[in-house]
Amino acid sequence: MVGLLTRGKLAWKAEVPLDNPLEAEEGGPQYVTLAGGSLVVSYQTSSTQHSFVTAFAVSDGTRRWTTPLVERARRVSALVSSPERVFVLAAGELFLLNAADGKLVATIGKSD
């Protein structure tokens, strides 16, 4: 779960997994970044170890997008952003996502 505190009060909160919160790995999202007006977080499912990146509007917590990473990218090891891009390092590859819609722009590194 993620949320925004404003002057000590909870402005909004949202569950990170799109469908079943119990599928997420235990604990809070490990990697969080800001991309323009979005709070971007990564998480893994506990059963399949599949990784996802999700963005929420900072203003009200509305889910903007959720992007599953490829099967081989089981563990996110870094998440950083610019206003236009989200950079996800996982399994020795760098995934560049469009910050506006979460679509994959490019992959740098090994491929199958």
Protein backbone atom coordinates (compact mmCIF):
# COMPACT_ATOMS: atom_id res chain seq x y z
CA MET A 1 0.00 0.00 0.00
CA VAL A 2 1.16 3.53 -0.73
CA GLY A 3 -0.23 6.87 0.36
CA LEU A 4 0.34 10.59 0.71
CA LEU A 5 0.56 12.49 3.97
CA THR A 6 -0.19 16.20 3.80
CA ARG A 7 0.49 18.25 6.94
CA GLY A 8 0.35 15.10 9.03
CA LYS A 9 -2.97 13.88 7.61
CA LEU A 10 -3.55 11.05 5.17
CA ALA A 11 -4.59 12.64 1.86
CA TRP A 12 -5.00 9.31 0.04
CA LYS A 13 -3.94 5.67 0.07
CA ALA A 14 -4.01 2.95 -2.56
CA GLU A 15 -3.28 -0.75 -2.75
CA VAL A 16 -0.37 -1.36 -5.10
CA PRO A 17 -1.33 -4.70 -6.72
CA LEU A 18 -4.03 -4.22 -9.31
CA ASP A 19 -6.12 -7.32 -8.62
CA ASN A 20 -5.31 -9.30 -5.49
CA PRO A 21 -3.28 -7.54 -2.76
CA LEU A 22 -2.50 -10.92 -1.21
CA GLU A 23 -0.50 -11.85 -4.33
CA ALA A 24 2.10 -9.16 -3.64
CA GLU A 25 5.29 -10.08 -1.87
CA GLU A 26 5.01 -9.34 1.85
CA GLY A 27 6.04 -5.84 2.93
CA GLY A 28 5.76 -2.47 1.28
CA PRO A 29 7.03 -1.61 -2.18
CA GLN A 30 10.83 -1.66 -2.09
CA TYR A 31 11.43 0.83 -4.90
CA VAL A 32 9.57 4.12 -5.24
CA THR A 33 10.21 7.19 -7.42
CA LEU A 34 8.46 10.32 -8.65
CA ALA A 35 7.96 10.85 -12.38
CA GLY A 36 6.34 14.19 -13.08
CA GLY A 37 2.99 14.05 -11.28
CA SER A 38 3.14 10.31 -10.65
CA LEU A 39 4.31 8.18 -7.76
CA VAL A 40 5.85 5.08 -9.36
CA VAL A 41 6.43 1.85 -7.42
CA SER A 42 7.62 -1.64 -8.25
CA TYR A 43 6.49 -4.88 -6.66
CA GLN A 44 6.75 -8.63 -7.12
CA THR A 45 4.15 -11.34 -6.72
CA SER A 46 4.92 -13.83 -3.98
CA SER A 47 3.87 -16.96 -5.85
CA THR A 48 5.42 -16.41 -9.30
CA GLN A 49 8.02 -13.73 -8.46
CA HIS A 50 6.74 -11.73 -11.44
CA SER A 51 7.63 -8.00 -11.34
CA PHE A 52 5.29 -5.08 -12.02
CA VAL A 53 5.67 -1.30 -12.13
CA THR A 54 2.65 0.83 -11.19
CA ALA A 55 2.04 4.60 -11.26
CA PHE A 56 -0.39 6.63 -9.16
CA ALA A 57 -1.38 10.30 -9.55
CA VAL A 58 0.31 12.23 -6.73
CA SER A 59 -2.69 14.57 -6.54
CA ASP A 60 -5.34 11.99 -5.62
CA GLY A 61 -3.89 8.45 -5.77
CA THR A 62 -5.67 7.44 -8.97
CA ARG A 63 -3.94 4.48 -10.61
CA ARG A 64 -2.54 5.70 -13.92
CA TRP A 65 -1.03 2.47 -15.22
CA THR A 66 0.41 -0.93 -14.34
CA THR A 67 3.07 -2.55 -16.50
CA PRO A 68 4.20 -6.17 -16.06
CA LEU A 69 7.87 -6.76 -16.80
CA VAL A 70 9.00 -9.70 -18.91
CA GLU A 71 9.16 -13.11 -17.24
CA ARG A 72 12.96 -13.12 -16.95
CA ALA A 73 12.91 -9.81 -15.00
CA ARG A 74 11.86 -11.40 -11.73
CA ARG A 75 13.57 -8.98 -9.35
CA VAL A 76 13.75 -5.21 -9.70
CA SER A 77 17.08 -3.94 -8.37
CA ALA A 78 16.67 -0.20 -9.09
CA LEU A 79 13.91 2.21 -10.07
CA VAL A 80 14.58 5.84 -11.04
CA SER A 81 12.78 8.35 -13.20
CA SER A 82 12.73 11.61 -15.08
CA PRO A 83 9.55 13.53 -15.91
CA GLU A 84 9.26 11.56 -19.20
CA ARG A 85 10.77 8.13 -18.44
CA VAL A 86 10.86 5.46 -15.77
CA PHE A 87 14.08 3.42 -15.69
CA VAL A 88 13.78 -0.08 -14.26
CA LEU A 89 16.86 -2.26 -13.69
CA ALA A 90 16.00 -5.95 -13.42
CA ALA A 91 17.93 -9.13 -14.22
CA GLY A 92 20.81 -7.22 -15.78
CA GLU A 93 18.55 -5.32 -18.19
CA LEU A 94 17.42 -1.72 -18.21
CA PHE A 95 13.77 -1.21 -19.14
CA LEU A 96 12.74 2.30 -20.22
CA LEU A 97 9.05 2.99 -19.71
CA ASN A 98 7.04 6.00 -20.83
CA ALA A 99 6.13 7.84 -17.60
CA ALA A 100 2.77 8.94 -19.01
CA ASP A 101 1.34 5.52 -19.87
CA GLY A 102 3.84 2.85 -18.72
CA LYS A 103 4.49 1.51 -22.20
CA LEU A 104 7.88 -0.04 -22.86
CA VAL A 105 10.02 2.35 -24.92
CA ALA A 106 13.28 0.38 -25.03
CA THR A 107 15.29 -2.39 -23.39
CA ILE A 108 19.03 -2.20 -22.93
CA GLY A 109 21.11 -5.25 -22.05
CA LYS A 110 20.88 -8.97 -22.57
CA SER A 111 17.95 -10.54 -24.37
CA ASP A 112 16.84 -14.07 -25.13
